[in-house]
C-alpha atoms as a PDB file:
ATOM      1  CA  MET A   1     -62.994-115.348 100.295  1.00  0.00           C
ATOM      2  CA  ALA A   2     -65.909-112.965  99.846  1.00  0.00           C
ATOM      3  CA  ALA A   3     -63.596-110.071 101.065  1.00  0.00           C
ATOM      4  CA  LYS A   4     -61.136-110.791  98.294  1.00  0.00           C
ATOM      5  CA  GLU A   5     -63.933-111.302  95.622  1.00  0.00           C
ATOM      6  CA  SER A   6     -65.347-107.788  96.559  1.00  0.00           C
ATOM      7  CA  THR A   7     -62.035-106.016  95.719  1.00  0.00           C
ATOM      8  CA  LYS A   8     -61.292-107.344  92.470  1.00  0.00           C
ATOM      9  CA  SER A   9     -60.895-104.823  90.155  1.00  0.00           C
ATOM     10  CA  THR A  10     -62.131-105.985  86.595  1.00  0.00           C
ATOM     11  CA  LYS A  11     -63.010-103.001  84.871  1.00  0.00           C
ATOM     12  CA  SER A  12     -60.616-100.119  83.930  1.00  0.00           C
ATOM     13  CA  SER A  13     -61.610 -96.394  84.227  1.00  0.00           C
ATOM     14  CA  GLU A  14     -59.827 -95.900  81.150  1.00  0.00           C
ATOM     15  CA  ASP A  15     -59.367 -97.674  77.757  1.00  0.00           C
ATOM     16  CA  GLY A  16     -56.020 -99.214  77.580  1.00  0.00           C
ATOM     17  CA  ALA A  17     -55.012 -98.374  81.294  1.00  0.00           C
ATOM     18  CA  ALA A  18     -54.391-101.921  83.421  1.00  0.00           C
ATOM     19  CA  PRO A  19     -56.844-101.800  86.529  1.00  0.00           C
ATOM     20  CA  GLN A  20     -55.182-102.135  89.753  1.00  0.00           C
ATOM     21  CA  ALA A  21     -56.858-104.297  92.456  1.00  0.00           C
ATOM     22  CA  GLY A  22     -58.086-102.439  95.082  1.00  0.00           C
ATOM     23  CA  PHE A  23     -57.704 -98.986  93.799  1.00  0.00           C
ATOM     24  CA  TYR A  24     -58.384 -98.009  90.025  1.00  0.00           C
ATOM     25  CA  GLY A  25     -61.427 -99.790  88.421  1.00  0.00           C
ATOM     26  CA  LEU A  26     -64.876-100.837  89.274  1.00  0.00           C
ATOM     27  CA  ALA A  27     -65.784-104.035  91.247  1.00  0.00           C
ATOM     28  CA  ASP A  28     -67.737-106.864  89.663  1.00  0.00           C
ATOM     29  CA  HIS A  29     -71.408-106.847  90.105  1.00  0.00           C
ATOM     30  CA  PRO A  30     -72.513-109.723  92.400  1.00  0.00           C
ATOM     31  CA  ASN A  31     -74.769-110.906  89.732  1.00  0.00           C
ATOM     32  CA  HIS A  32     -72.514-110.815  86.834  1.00  0.00           C
ATOM     33  CA  GLY A  33     -69.108-112.593  85.448  1.00  0.00           C
ATOM     34  CA  ILE A  34     -69.695-116.119  86.467  1.00  0.00           C
ATOM     35  CA  ILE A  35     -71.553-118.566  83.964  1.00  0.00           C
ATOM     36  CA  SER A  36     -72.486-120.620  86.819  1.00  0.00           C
ATOM     37  CA  SER A  37     -74.037-117.883  88.853  1.00  0.00           C
ATOM     38  CA  ILE A  38     -76.007-116.558  85.703  1.00  0.00           C
ATOM     39  CA  LEU A  39     -77.393-119.887  84.999  1.00  0.00           C
ATOM     40  CA  LYS A  40     -78.233-120.461  88.801  1.00  0.00           C
ATOM     41  CA  ARG A  41     -80.028-116.964  88.660  1.00  0.00           C
ATOM     42  CA  LYS A  42     -81.547-117.319  85.393  1.00  0.00           C
ATOM     43  CA  ASN A  43     -85.184-117.842  86.733  1.00  0.00           C
ATOM     44  CA  ARG A  44     -84.859-115.464  89.410  1.00  0.00           C
ATOM     45  CA  LYS A  45     -86.871-111.821  89.056  1.00  0.00           C
ATOM     46  CA  PHE A  46     -85.544-109.992  92.382  1.00  0.00           C
ATOM     47  CA  LYS A  47     -83.664-107.004  91.905  1.00  0.00           C
ATOM     48  CA  MET A  48     -82.400-104.015  94.019  1.00  0.00           C
ATOM     49  CA  ALA A  49     -84.661-101.590  95.382  1.00  0.00           C
ATOM     50  CA  ASP A  50     -85.127 -98.295  92.970  1.00  0.00           C
ATOM     51  CA  ASP A  51     -83.784 -96.190  95.493  1.00  0.00           C
ATOM     52  CA  VAL A  52     -80.604 -98.347  96.146  1.00  0.00           C
ATOM     53  CA  ARG A  53     -80.024 -99.115  92.523  1.00  0.00           C
ATOM     54  CA  LYS A  54     -79.960 -95.160  91.721  1.00  0.00           C
ATOM     55  CA  MET A  55     -77.433 -94.787  94.473  1.00  0.00           C
ATOM     56  CA  CYS A  56     -75.416 -97.461  93.185  1.00  0.00           C
ATOM     57  CA  LYS A  57     -75.292 -96.029  89.559  1.00  0.00           C
ATOM     58  CA  GLN A  58     -74.258 -92.834  90.959  1.00  0.00           C
ATOM     59  CA  VAL A  59     -71.388 -94.121  93.019  1.00  0.00           C
ATOM     60  CA  GLU A  60     -70.296 -96.171  89.961  1.00  0.00           C
ATOM     61  CA  ALA A  61     -70.110 -93.085  87.654  1.00  0.00           C
ATOM     62  CA  TYR A  62     -68.457 -91.034  90.499  1.00  0.00           C
ATOM     63  CA  LYS A  63     -65.864 -93.782  91.114  1.00  0.00           C
ATOM     64  CA  THR A  64     -65.063 -93.718  86.902  1.00  0.00           C
ATOM     65  CA  CYS A  65     -64.662 -89.969  87.228  1.00  0.00           C
ATOM     66  CA  ALA A  66     -62.575 -89.865  90.427  1.00  0.00           C
ATOM     67  CA  ASP A  67     -60.067 -92.647  88.878  1.00  0.00           C
ATOM     68  CA  ARG A  68     -59.627 -90.488  85.565  1.00  0.00           C
ATOM     69  CA  LEU A  69     -59.024 -87.349  87.539  1.00  0.00           C
ATOM     70  CA  HIS A  70     -56.602 -88.851  89.903  1.00  0.00           C
ATOM     71  CA  GLN A  71     -54.601 -90.468  86.855  1.00  0.00           C
ATOM     72  CA  ALA A  72     -54.477 -87.266  85.308  1.00  0.00           C
ATOM     73  CA  LEU A  73     -53.097 -85.533  88.422  1.00  0.00           C
ATOM     74  CA  MET A  74     -50.469 -88.096  88.872  1.00  0.00           C
ATOM     75  CA  THR A  75     -49.341 -87.576  85.263  1.00  0.00           C
ATOM     76  CA  MET A  76     -49.173 -83.773  86.175  1.00  0.00           C
ATOM     77  CA  LEU A  77     -46.600 -84.836  89.104  1.00  0.00           C
ATOM     78  CA  VAL A  78     -44.629 -87.435  87.198  1.00  0.00           C
ATOM     79  CA  GLU A  79     -44.493 -87.594  83.389  1.00  0.00           C
ATOM     80  CA  PHE A  80     -43.140 -91.204  83.174  1.00  0.00           C
ATOM     81  CA  PRO A  81     -46.312 -93.222  82.772  1.00  0.00           C
ATOM     82  CA  GLU A  82     -44.995 -95.961  84.838  1.00  0.00           C
ATOM     83  CA  TYR A  83     -43.949 -93.889  87.686  1.00  0.00           C
ATOM     84  CA  ALA A  84     -47.172 -91.911  87.510  1.00  0.00           C
ATOM     85  CA  ARG A  85     -49.336 -95.166  87.846  1.00  0.00           C
ATOM     86  CA  ASP A  86     -47.301 -96.370  90.735  1.00  0.00           C
ATOM     87  CA  LEU A  87     -47.471 -93.326  92.939  1.00  0.00           C
ATOM     88  CA  VAL A  88     -50.496 -94.864  94.533  1.00  0.00           C
ATOM     89  CA  PHE A  89     -48.048 -97.375  96.076  1.00  0.00           C
ATOM     90  CA  VAL A  90     -44.344 -95.952  95.900  1.00  0.00           C
ATOM     91  CA  VAL A  91     -42.995 -92.520  95.407  1.00  0.00           C
ATOM     92  CA  LYS A  92     -41.012 -92.231  92.161  1.00  0.00           C
ATOM     93  CA  THR A  93     -40.110 -88.990  90.694  1.00  0.00           C
ATOM     94  CA  ASP A  94     -38.793 -88.258  87.205  1.00  0.00           C
ATOM     95  CA  PRO A  95     -35.038 -89.103  87.108  1.00  0.00           C
ATOM     96  CA  ASN A  96     -34.039 -86.235  84.862  1.00  0.00           C
ATOM     97  CA  TYR A  97     -32.349 -83.964  87.337  1.00  0.00           C
ATOM     98  CA  ARG A  98     -30.527 -86.749  88.790  1.00  0.00           C
ATOM     99  CA  TYR A  99     -29.442 -88.295  85.367  1.00  0.00           C
ATOM    100  CA  ALA A 100     -28.252 -84.810  84.435  1.00  0.00           C
ATOM    101  CA  ALA A 101     -26.151 -84.122  87.544  1.00  0.00           C
ATOM    102  CA  LEU A 102     -24.598 -87.521  86.947  1.00  0.00           C
ATOM    103  CA  TYR A 103     -23.716 -87.028  83.601  1.00  0.00           C
ATOM    104  CA  LEU A 104     -22.058 -83.515  84.190  1.00  0.00           C
ATOM    105  CA  ARG A 105     -20.091 -85.144  87.004  1.00  0.00           C
ATOM    106  CA  THR A 106     -18.686 -88.070  84.889  1.00  0.00           C
ATOM    107  CA  PHE A 107     -18.153 -85.392  82.068  1.00  0.00           C
ATOM    108  CA  GLU A 108     -16.078 -82.972  84.318  1.00  0.00           C
ATOM    109  CA  SER A 109     -14.247 -86.134  85.622  1.00  0.00           C
ATOM    110  CA  ILE A 110     -13.200 -87.275  82.158  1.00  0.00           C
ATOM    111  CA  LEU A 111     -12.262 -83.537  80.838  1.00  0.00           C
ATOM    112  CA  ASN A 112      -9.976 -83.187  83.901  1.00  0.00           C
ATOM    113  CA  LYS A 113      -8.190 -86.556  83.118  1.00  0.00           C
ATOM    114  CA  GLY A 114      -7.777 -85.865  79.606  1.00  0.00           C
ATOM    115  CA  ARG A 115      -4.567 -84.278  77.791  1.00  0.00           C
ATOM    116  CA  ASP A 116      -5.971 -81.056  77.179  1.00  0.00           C
ATOM    117  CA  ARG A 117      -4.807 -78.652  80.125  1.00  0.00           C
ATOM    118  CA  THR A 118      -6.974 -75.811  79.364  1.00  0.00           C
ATOM    119  CA  THR A 119      -8.731 -74.873  82.894  1.00  0.00           C
ATOM    120  CA  TYR A 120     -12.469 -74.959  82.261  1.00  0.00           C
ATOM    121  CA  GLU A 121     -15.144 -73.542  84.624  1.00  0.00           C
ATOM    122  CA  SER A 122     -16.121 -75.877  87.240  1.00  0.00           C
ATOM    123  CA  LEU A 123     -19.541 -77.430  86.725  1.00  0.00           C
ATOM    124  CA  GLU A 124     -20.124 -78.113  90.357  1.00  0.00           C
ATOM    125  CA  PRO A 125     -22.690 -75.012  90.910  1.00  0.00           C
ATOM    126  CA  VAL A 126     -24.843 -76.401  87.987  1.00  0.00           C
ATOM    127  CA  MET A 127     -24.697 -79.946  89.517  1.00  0.00           C
ATOM    128  CA  LYS A 128     -25.763 -78.804  92.986  1.00  0.00           C
ATOM    129  CA  THR A 129     -28.696 -76.822  91.273  1.00  0.00           C
ATOM    130  CA  LEU A 130     -29.766 -80.124  89.690  1.00  0.00           C
ATOM    131  CA  GLN A 131     -29.486 -82.121  92.684  1.00  0.00           C
ATOM    132  CA  SER A 132     -31.608 -79.278  94.586  1.00  0.00           C
ATOM    133  CA  LEU A 133     -34.196 -79.326  91.748  1.00  0.00           C
ATOM    134  CA  ASP A 134     -34.336 -83.130  92.372  1.00  0.00           C
ATOM    135  CA  LEU A 135     -34.929 -83.031  95.846  1.00  0.00           C
ATOM    136  CA  GLU A 136     -37.519 -80.214  95.724  1.00  0.00           C
ATOM    137  CA  HIS A 137     -39.389 -82.079  93.079  1.00  0.00           C
ATOM    138  CA  GLU A 138     -39.598 -84.896  95.419  1.00  0.00           C
ATOM    139  CA  ARG A 139     -40.687 -83.120  98.323  1.00  0.00           C
ATOM    140  CA  ARG A 140     -43.556 -81.437  96.407  1.00  0.00           C
ATOM    141  CA  VAL A 141     -44.513 -84.716  94.927  1.00  0.00           C
ATOM    142  CA  ARG A 142     -45.033 -86.021  98.357  1.00  0.00           C
ATOM    143  CA  LYS A 143     -46.739 -82.782  99.544  1.00  0.00           C
ATOM    144  CA  GLN A 144     -49.163 -83.098  96.653  1.00  0.00           C
ATOM    145  CA  LEU A 145     -49.798 -86.735  97.516  1.00  0.00           C
ATOM    146  CA  ASP A 146     -50.654 -85.756 100.991  1.00  0.00           C
ATOM    147  CA  ASN A 147     -53.001 -83.201  99.704  1.00  0.00           C
ATOM    148  CA  LEU A 148     -54.946 -85.699  97.647  1.00  0.00           C
ATOM    149  CA  LYS A 149     -55.556 -88.084 100.653  1.00  0.00           C
ATOM    150  CA  PRO A 150     -59.227 -87.755 100.876  1.00  0.00           C
ATOM    151  CA  LEU A 151     -59.677 -88.513  97.104  1.00  0.00           C
ATOM    152  CA  MET A 152     -57.325 -91.507  97.326  1.00  0.00           C
ATOM    153  CA  LYS A 153     -59.232 -92.518 100.373  1.00  0.00           C
ATOM    154  CA  PHE A 154     -62.536 -92.770  98.554  1.00  0.00           C
ATOM    155  CA  ILE A 155     -60.638 -94.567  95.545  1.00  0.00           C
ATOM    156  CA  GLY A 156     -58.827 -96.931  97.324  1.00  0.00           C
ATOM    157  CA  GLU A 157     -60.800 -97.630 100.589  1.00  0.00           C
ATOM    158  CA  ASP A 158     -64.331 -96.168 100.695  1.00  0.00           C
ATOM    159  CA  TYR A 159     -65.366 -97.498  97.215  1.00  0.00           C
ATOM    160  CA  TRP A 160     -64.275-100.968  97.922  1.00  0.00           C
ATOM    161  CA  GLU A 161     -66.050-100.973 101.299  1.00  0.00           C
ATOM    162  CA  TYR A 162     -69.151 -99.852  99.272  1.00  0.00           C
ATOM    163  CA  ALA A 163     -68.651-102.709  96.826  1.00  0.00           C
ATOM    164  CA  ARG A 164     -68.292-105.291  99.839  1.00  0.00           C
ATOM    165  CA  LEU A 165     -71.512-103.891 101.312  1.00  0.00           C
ATOM    166  CA  ARG A 166     -73.270-104.300  98.166  1.00  0.00           C
ATOM    167  CA  LYS A 167     -72.256-107.813  97.536  1.00  0.00           C
ATOM    168  CA  VAL A 168     -73.629-108.558 101.041  1.00  0.00           C
ATOM    169  CA  TYR A 169     -76.847-106.941 100.383  1.00  0.00           C
ATOM    170  CA  TRP A 170     -77.152-108.931  97.139  1.00  0.00           C
ATOM    171  CA  GLU A 171     -76.477-112.057  99.080  1.00  0.00           C
ATOM    172  CA  ALA A 172     -79.071-111.114 101.447  1.00  0.00           C
ATOM    173  CA  MET A 173     -81.481-110.719  99.007  1.00  0.00           C
ATOM    174  CA  GLU A 174     -80.680-114.218  97.502  1.00  0.00           C
ATOM    175  CA  SER A 175     -81.159-115.886 100.872  1.00  0.00           C
ATOM    176  CA  TYR A 176     -84.389-114.047 101.246  1.00  0.00           C
ATOM    177  CA  ASP A 177     -85.550-115.430  97.824  1.00  0.00           C
ATOM    178  CA  ASP A 178     -84.412-119.050  98.807  1.00  0.00           C
ATOM    179  CA  ALA A 179     -86.101-118.739 101.993  1.00  0.00           C
ATOM    180  CA  LEU A 180     -89.316-117.446 100.316  1.00  0.00           C
ATOM    181  CA  THR A 181     -89.348-120.304  97.844  1.00  0.00           C
ATOM    182  CA  GLN A 182     -88.706-122.967 100.713  1.00  0.00           C
ATOM    183  CA  GLN A 183     -91.691-121.181 102.295  1.00  0.00           C
ATOM    184  CA  HIS A 184     -93.865-121.973  99.498  1.00  0.00           C
ATOM    185  CA  LYS A 185     -92.961-125.672  99.173  1.00  0.00           C
ATOM    186  CA  GLU A 186     -92.972-126.584 102.783  1.00  0.00           C
ATOM    187  CA  ARG A 187     -95.559-124.081 104.542  1.00  0.00           C
ATOM    188  CA  THR A 188     -94.402-124.714 108.060  1.00  0.00           C
ATOM    189  CA  ASP A 189     -93.805-122.463 110.989  1.00  0.00           C
ATOM    190  CA  LEU A 190     -89.837-123.113 110.843  1.00  0.00           C
ATOM    191  CA  ALA A 191     -89.954-122.017 107.120  1.00  0.00           C
ATOM    192  CA  GLU A 192     -91.974-118.882 107.918  1.00  0.00           C
ATOM    193  CA  GLN A 193     -89.508-117.928 110.487  1.00  0.00           C
ATOM    194  CA  ALA A 194     -86.539-118.409 108.311  1.00  0.00           C
ATOM    195  CA  THR A 195     -88.200-116.240 105.989  1.00  0.00           C
ATOM    196  CA  ALA A 196     -88.852-113.527 108.547  1.00  0.00           C
ATOM    197  CA  ASN A 197     -85.176-113.682 109.552  1.00  0.00           C
ATOM    198  CA  ALA A 198     -84.014-113.519 105.873  1.00  0.00           C
ATOM    199  CA  GLN A 199     -86.203-110.481 105.318  1.00  0.00           C
ATOM    200  CA  THR A 200     -84.710-108.918 108.336  1.00  0.00           C
ATOM    201  CA  TRP A 201     -81.310-109.536 107.391  1.00  0.00           C
ATOM    202  CA  ARG A 202     -82.052-108.209 103.726  1.00  0.00           C
ATOM    203  CA  ASN A 203     -83.505-105.001 105.337  1.00  0.00           C
ATOM    204  CA  ASP A 204     -80.707-104.435 107.371  1.00  0.00           C
ATOM    205  CA  CYS A 205     -78.137-104.733 104.791  1.00  0.00           C
ATOM    206  CA  ARG A 206     -80.104-102.513 102.510  1.00  0.00           C
ATOM    207  CA  GLN A 207     -79.950-100.078 105.328  1.00  0.00           C
ATOM    208  CA  LYS A 208     -76.057-100.194 105.959  1.00  0.00           C
ATOM    209  CA  LEU A 209     -75.672 -99.882 102.412  1.00  0.00           C
ATOM    210  CA  MET A 210     -77.645 -96.898 101.906  1.00  0.00           C
ATOM    211  CA  ASP A 211     -76.299 -95.269 105.033  1.00  0.00           C
ATOM    212  CA  PHE A 212     -72.713 -95.839 104.027  1.00  0.00           C
ATOM    213  CA  ILE A 213     -73.207 -94.449 100.586  1.00  0.00           C
ATOM    214  CA  LYS A 214     -74.814 -91.343 101.886  1.00  0.00           C
ATOM    215  CA  THR A 215     -72.566 -90.474 104.917  1.00  0.00           C
ATOM    216  CA  CYS A 216     -69.171 -91.944 103.324  1.00  0.00           C
ATOM    217  CA  ILE A 217     -69.260 -91.353  99.824  1.00  0.00           C
ATOM    218  CA  PHE A 218     -71.894 -88.370  99.136  1.00  0.00           C
ATOM    219  CA  ASP A 219     -71.292 -86.356 102.103  1.00  0.00           C
ATOM    220  CA  ARG A 220     -67.401 -86.431 101.444  1.00  0.00           C
ATOM    221  CA  GLN A 221     -67.704 -85.212  97.901  1.00  0.00           C
ATOM    222  CA  GLY A 222     -67.208 -81.716  99.156  1.00  0.00           C
ATOM    223  CA  LYS A 223     -63.678 -82.750 100.766  1.00  0.00           C
ATOM    224  CA  HIS A 224     -62.792 -84.540  97.472  1.00  0.00           C
ATOM    225  CA  ALA A 225     -63.123 -81.217  95.685  1.00  0.00           C
ATOM    226  CA  GLU A 226     -61.320 -79.346  98.130  1.00  0.00           C
ATOM    227  CA  CYS A 227     -58.273 -81.546  98.045  1.00  0.00           C
ATOM    228  CA  VAL A 228     -58.168 -81.069  94.316  1.00  0.00           C
ATOM    229  CA  LEU A 229     -58.286 -77.407  94.692  1.00  0.00           C
ATOM    230  CA  LYS A 230     -55.647 -77.594  97.163  1.00  0.00           C
ATOM    231  CA  PHE A 231     -53.474 -79.481  94.737  1.00  0.00           C
ATOM    232  CA  ARG A 232     -54.016 -76.806  91.977  1.00  0.00           C
ATOM    233  CA  ASP A 233     -52.941 -73.906  94.539  1.00  0.00           C
ATOM    234  CA  GLU A 234     -50.021 -76.238  95.260  1.00  0.00           C
ATOM    235  CA  ALA A 235     -48.934 -76.384  91.897  1.00  0.00           C
ATOM    236  CA  VAL A 236     -48.537 -72.872  91.653  1.00  0.00           C
ATOM    237  CA  PHE A 237     -46.270 -72.678  94.715  1.00  0.00           C
ATOM    238  CA  TYR A 238     -44.457 -75.756  92.990  1.00  0.00           C
ATOM    239  CA  HIS A 239     -43.329 -73.934  89.930  1.00  0.00           C
ATOM    240  CA  ARG A 240     -42.336 -70.689  91.704  1.00  0.00           C
ATOM    241  CA  SER A 241     -40.165 -72.586  94.204  1.00  0.00           C
ATOM    242  CA  MET A 242     -38.553 -74.621  91.690  1.00  0.00           C
ATOM    243  CA  SER A 243     -37.662 -71.235  89.457  1.00  0.00           C
ATOM    244  CA  GLU A 244     -36.161 -69.835  92.912  1.00  0.00           C
ATOM    245  CA  LEU A 245     -33.643 -72.645  92.878  1.00  0.00           C
ATOM    246  CA  ILE A 246     -32.232 -71.621  89.739  1.00  0.00           C
ATOM    247  CA  PRO A 247     -29.414 -68.949  89.605  1.00  0.00           C
ATOM    248  CA  PHE A 248     -30.084 -65.841  87.666  1.00  0.00           C
ATOM    249  CA  THR A 249     -27.592 -63.587  86.296  1.00  0.00           C
ATOM    250  CA  GLU A 250     -28.408 -60.499  85.022  1.00  0.00           C
ATOM    251  CA  LYS A 251     -27.144 -59.692  81.443  1.00  0.00           C
ATOM    252  CA  PRO A 252     -26.010 -56.241  80.546  1.00  0.00           C
ATOM    253  CA  GLU A 253     -28.137 -54.105  78.369  1.00  0.00           C
ATOM    254  CA  LYS A 254     -27.404 -53.799  74.868  1.00  0.00           C
ATOM    255  CA  GLY A 255     -26.737 -49.985  75.036  1.00  0.00           C
ATOM    256  CA  GLU A 256     -24.153 -50.734  77.694  1.00  0.00           C
ATOM    257  CA  SER A 257     -22.333 -53.369  75.920  1.00  0.00           C
ATOM    258  CA  LYS A 258     -22.102 -51.077  73.001  1.00  0.00           C
ATOM    259  CA  SER A 259     -20.724 -48.326  74.822  1.00  0.00           C
ATOM    260  CA  ALA A 260     -18.128 -50.568  76.621  1.00  0.00           C
ATOM    261  CA  GLU A 261     -17.036 -51.825  73.033  1.00  0.00           C
ATOM    262  CA  ARG A 262     -16.723 -48.081  71.911  1.00  0.00           C
ATOM    263  CA  GLY A 263     -14.718 -47.287  74.925  1.00  0.00           C
ATOM    264  CA  LYS A 264     -12.276 -50.066  74.108  1.00  0.00           C
ATOM    265  CA  THR A 265      -8.457 -48.501  72.830  1.00  0.00           C
ATOM    266  CA  PRO A 266      -7.429 -50.311  69.800  1.00  0.00           C
ATOM    267  CA  LYS A 267      -4.224 -52.076  69.971  1.00  0.00           C
END
C-alpha cells in the first residue's frame, strides 16, 4: 500500500496537462494531502534536516523541468497531442502518410471503374513513397525513444524511487518522534532502547535517501543532457532521410524550354 501511495502523481508539470501516475508529475509530500494526517501532526515540530530538504527541493525542480522537456520532445516526434502523450507507453505515429496512401489507392480504384476510358498515369509510385515515409517515420520515432532512455528512466523510475525513500525517511522521523515522546512519559530502559533504535533507523533512512539522490539523480544528470543532445543530432538525420525517400525530378531550365518552343515547326 505504501508503494502505491509513493507512486501516486497528484501534480502536473504543466498547467492543463493530465498527470500520469508513475511518470509525469510530482509525488505527494508525506506530510501533505490528507486531512487526518494534518490533524495528527498538527502539534509536531520536527522537519527534515536542512541538507536533505535542500536536496529534495533540487530534485523536485529538476523533475518538473525534465517533465516539460520530455513532453516537448514527444510533441516534436508526433504532432498529435494524444499520440505524443501516450508515446511513453505505446508507439503511435501520425497517420497522415498512411491515410494519404489509402486515399490515393481508393481514388485510383474508383477512377479505373468509372465510365471515363481515359488512361491516367498510375498513382502507385506516389503510394509507395507515402508508405516508405510512414515506415521511416515510425523507425525514427522508435530510435529517438531509445535515445531518450536515460531521461525517461529518471522521470519514470528514479524519481519515484526517490519519492518512496523520502516517504520512508519521513515515516522514520515520525517513529523517532513517537518513541521520544513515549520515553519522556515512561522513562524506562525499554523506552530508551526503543528511542535509540528509532534514531538509528531514522539516520539510516536519511543516509539512504541522500546517497540515492547523489548517485542515481545528480551524478546522472550528465547522461540526461547527453541523450537530449543525441536526440537533437538524430533529428537532423531524420529530416535528411525523409527527404531522400521523395523522388526528385529535375525540371528543364527556362532558357531550354523557350528554345525548344522556338524550334517547333508550326502546323
